C-alpha atoms as a PDB file:
ATOM      1  CA  ILE A   1      12.530   7.060  -7.382  1.00  0.00           C
ATOM      2  CA  LYS A   2       9.533   6.882  -9.516  1.00  0.00           C
ATOM      3  CA  GLN A   3       7.040   7.876  -7.435  1.00  0.00           C
ATOM      4  CA  ILE A   4       6.401   8.901  -3.953  1.00  0.00           C
ATOM      5  CA  VAL A   5       3.035   8.580  -2.096  1.00  0.00           C
ATOM      6  CA  ALA A   6       2.023  10.412   1.151  1.00  0.00           C
ATOM      7  CA  ALA A   7      -0.728   9.238   3.014  1.00  0.00           C
ATOM      8  CA  GLY A   8      -2.441  10.331   5.864  1.00  0.00           C
ATOM      9  CA  ASN A   9      -0.298   7.899   8.351  1.00  0.00           C
ATOM     10  CA  HIS A  10       2.037   6.261   6.034  1.00  0.00           C
ATOM     11  CA  THR A  11       4.392   6.853   3.250  1.00  0.00           C
ATOM     12  CA  LEU A  12       5.343   4.717   0.154  1.00  0.00           C
ATOM     13  CA  ILE A  13       8.192   5.193  -2.447  1.00  0.00           C
ATOM     14  CA  LEU A  14       8.338   3.141  -5.493  1.00  0.00           C
ATOM     15  CA  THR A  15      11.736   2.668  -7.066  1.00  0.00           C
ATOM     16  CA  ASP A  16      13.424   0.387  -9.760  1.00  0.00           C
ATOM     17  CA  ALA A  17      14.213  -1.871  -6.789  1.00  0.00           C
ATOM     18  CA  GLY A  18      10.751  -2.262  -5.660  1.00  0.00           C
ATOM     19  CA  LEU A  19       7.889  -0.653  -3.289  1.00  0.00           C
ATOM     20  CA  PHE A  20       9.011   0.554   0.338  1.00  0.00           C
ATOM     21  CA  GLY A  21       6.979   1.515   2.901  1.00  0.00           C
ATOM     22  CA  CYS A  22       6.831   2.977   6.352  1.00  0.00           C
ATOM     23  CA  GLY A  23       4.502   4.755   9.247  1.00  0.00           C
ATOM     24  CA  VAL A  24       1.347   3.421  10.808  1.00  0.00           C
ATOM     25  CA  ASN A  25       0.274  -0.071   9.813  1.00  0.00           C
ATOM     26  CA  GLU A  26      -2.528  -0.922  11.977  1.00  0.00           C
ATOM     27  CA  SER A  27      -4.887  -1.643   9.343  1.00  0.00           C
ATOM     28  CA  GLY A  28      -2.113  -3.431   7.268  1.00  0.00           C
ATOM     29  CA  GLN A  29      -1.972  -0.498   4.765  1.00  0.00           C
ATOM     30  CA  LEU A  30       1.552  -1.227   4.082  1.00  0.00           C
ATOM     31  CA  GLY A  31       0.602  -4.643   2.620  1.00  0.00           C
ATOM     32  CA  LEU A  32       2.776  -6.618   4.917  1.00  0.00           C
ATOM     33  CA  ALA A  33       1.878  -9.918   6.531  1.00  0.00           C
ATOM     34  CA  HIS A  34       1.439  -8.183  10.059  1.00  0.00           C
ATOM     35  CA  LYS A  35       0.344  -4.823  11.441  1.00  0.00           C
ATOM     36  CA  GLU A  36       3.437  -3.689  13.016  1.00  0.00           C
ATOM     37  CA  ASP A  37       4.525   0.035  12.412  1.00  0.00           C
ATOM     38  CA  TYR A  38       7.660   0.993  10.658  1.00  0.00           C
ATOM     39  CA  ILE A  39       9.697   4.089  11.343  1.00  0.00           C
ATOM     40  CA  THR A  40      12.153   3.380   8.551  1.00  0.00           C
ATOM     41  CA  PHE A  41      11.408   2.098   5.099  1.00  0.00           C
ATOM     42  CA  THR A  42      10.918  -1.497   4.520  1.00  0.00           C
ATOM     43  CA  LYS A  43      10.532  -3.494   1.158  1.00  0.00           C
ATOM     44  CA  ILE A  44       6.789  -4.586   0.408  1.00  0.00           C
ATOM     45  CA  ALA A  45       6.477  -7.921  -1.279  1.00  0.00           C
ATOM     46  CA  MET A  46       4.545  -7.214  -4.304  1.00  0.00           C
ATOM     47  CA  PRO A  47       1.898  -8.824  -6.379  1.00  0.00           C
ATOM     48  CA  PRO A  48       2.753 -10.073  -9.823  1.00  0.00           C
ATOM     49  CA  GLY A  49       3.033  -7.623 -12.595  1.00  0.00           C
ATOM     50  CA  THR A  50       4.919  -4.456 -13.270  1.00  0.00           C
ATOM     51  CA  ILE A  51       3.840  -1.602 -10.770  1.00  0.00           C
ATOM     52  CA  GLN A  52       2.274   1.181 -12.793  1.00  0.00           C
ATOM     53  CA  GLN A  53       0.720   3.262 -10.095  1.00  0.00           C
ATOM     54  CA  VAL A  54       0.516   3.610  -6.247  1.00  0.00           C
ATOM     55  CA  VAL A  55      -2.198   5.547  -4.412  1.00  0.00           C
ATOM     56  CA  ALA A  56      -3.117   5.673  -0.707  1.00  0.00           C
ATOM     57  CA  GLY A  57      -5.638   7.193   1.565  1.00  0.00           C
ATOM     58  CA  GLU A  58      -5.232   7.433   5.404  1.00  0.00           C
ATOM     59  CA  SER A  59      -5.618   3.848   6.237  1.00  0.00           C
ATOM     60  CA  HIS A  60      -5.435   2.177   2.917  1.00  0.00           C
ATOM     61  CA  THR A  61      -3.204   1.424  -0.306  1.00  0.00           C
ATOM     62  CA  LEU A  62      -4.082   0.670  -3.742  1.00  0.00           C
ATOM     63  CA  ILE A  63      -1.607  -0.522  -6.405  1.00  0.00           C
ATOM     64  CA  LEU A  64      -2.199  -0.829 -10.121  1.00  0.00           C
ATOM     65  CA  THR A  65      -0.047  -3.272 -11.694  1.00  0.00           C
ATOM     66  CA  SER A  66       0.045  -4.827 -15.479  1.00  0.00           C
ATOM     67  CA  GLN A  67      -1.759  -7.783 -13.735  1.00  0.00           C
ATOM     68  CA  GLY A  68      -4.616  -5.805 -12.035  1.00  0.00           C
ATOM     69  CA  LEU A  69      -5.476  -3.542  -9.149  1.00  0.00           C
ATOM     70  CA  PHE A  70      -4.413  -4.699  -5.536  1.00  0.00           C
ATOM     71  CA  GLY A  71      -5.626  -3.033  -2.248  1.00  0.00           C
ATOM     72  CA  CYS A  72      -4.821  -3.429   1.456  1.00  0.00           C
ATOM     73  CA  GLY A  73      -5.728  -1.603   4.780  1.00  0.00           C
ATOM     74  CA  HIS A  74      -8.711  -0.111   6.166  1.00  0.00           C
ATOM     75  CA  ASN A  75     -12.074  -1.101   4.387  1.00  0.00           C
ATOM     76  CA  LYS A  76     -14.842   0.018   6.801  1.00  0.00           C
ATOM     77  CA  PHE A  77     -16.219   2.299   4.078  1.00  0.00           C
ATOM     78  CA  GLY A  78     -15.651  -0.099   1.132  1.00  0.00           C
ATOM     79  CA  GLN A  79     -12.703   2.120  -0.119  1.00  0.00           C
ATOM     80  CA  LEU A  80     -10.801  -0.799  -1.262  1.00  0.00           C
ATOM     81  CA  GLY A  81     -13.986  -1.823  -3.874  1.00  0.00           C
ATOM     82  CA  LEU A  82     -14.314  -5.281  -2.603  1.00  0.00           C
ATOM     83  CA  GLY A  83     -17.939  -5.123  -2.336  1.00  0.00           C
ATOM     84  CA  HIS A  84     -18.125  -5.480   1.285  1.00  0.00           C
ATOM     85  CA  ARG A  85     -16.917  -3.649   4.428  1.00  0.00           C
ATOM     86  CA  LYS A  86     -14.484  -6.117   6.126  1.00  0.00           C
END
């Protein structure tokens, strides 16, 4: 295990085998192609590049890779830094 991130409603674990997440996913904060919740850890398909750091809030996740910063989840207050609130 390289990193554990415990957010308000979801948990992420970064390992040598990849990034895994579980918990609430109603805003897409697990970075999956759907919004189903998970009660066990599931592997998350990652953007290109080596993952350097993962951070998360109550309903969003930010992933820093060697190729850039990626975000997923709730963005009502602009917390993903996309320049809009959708």
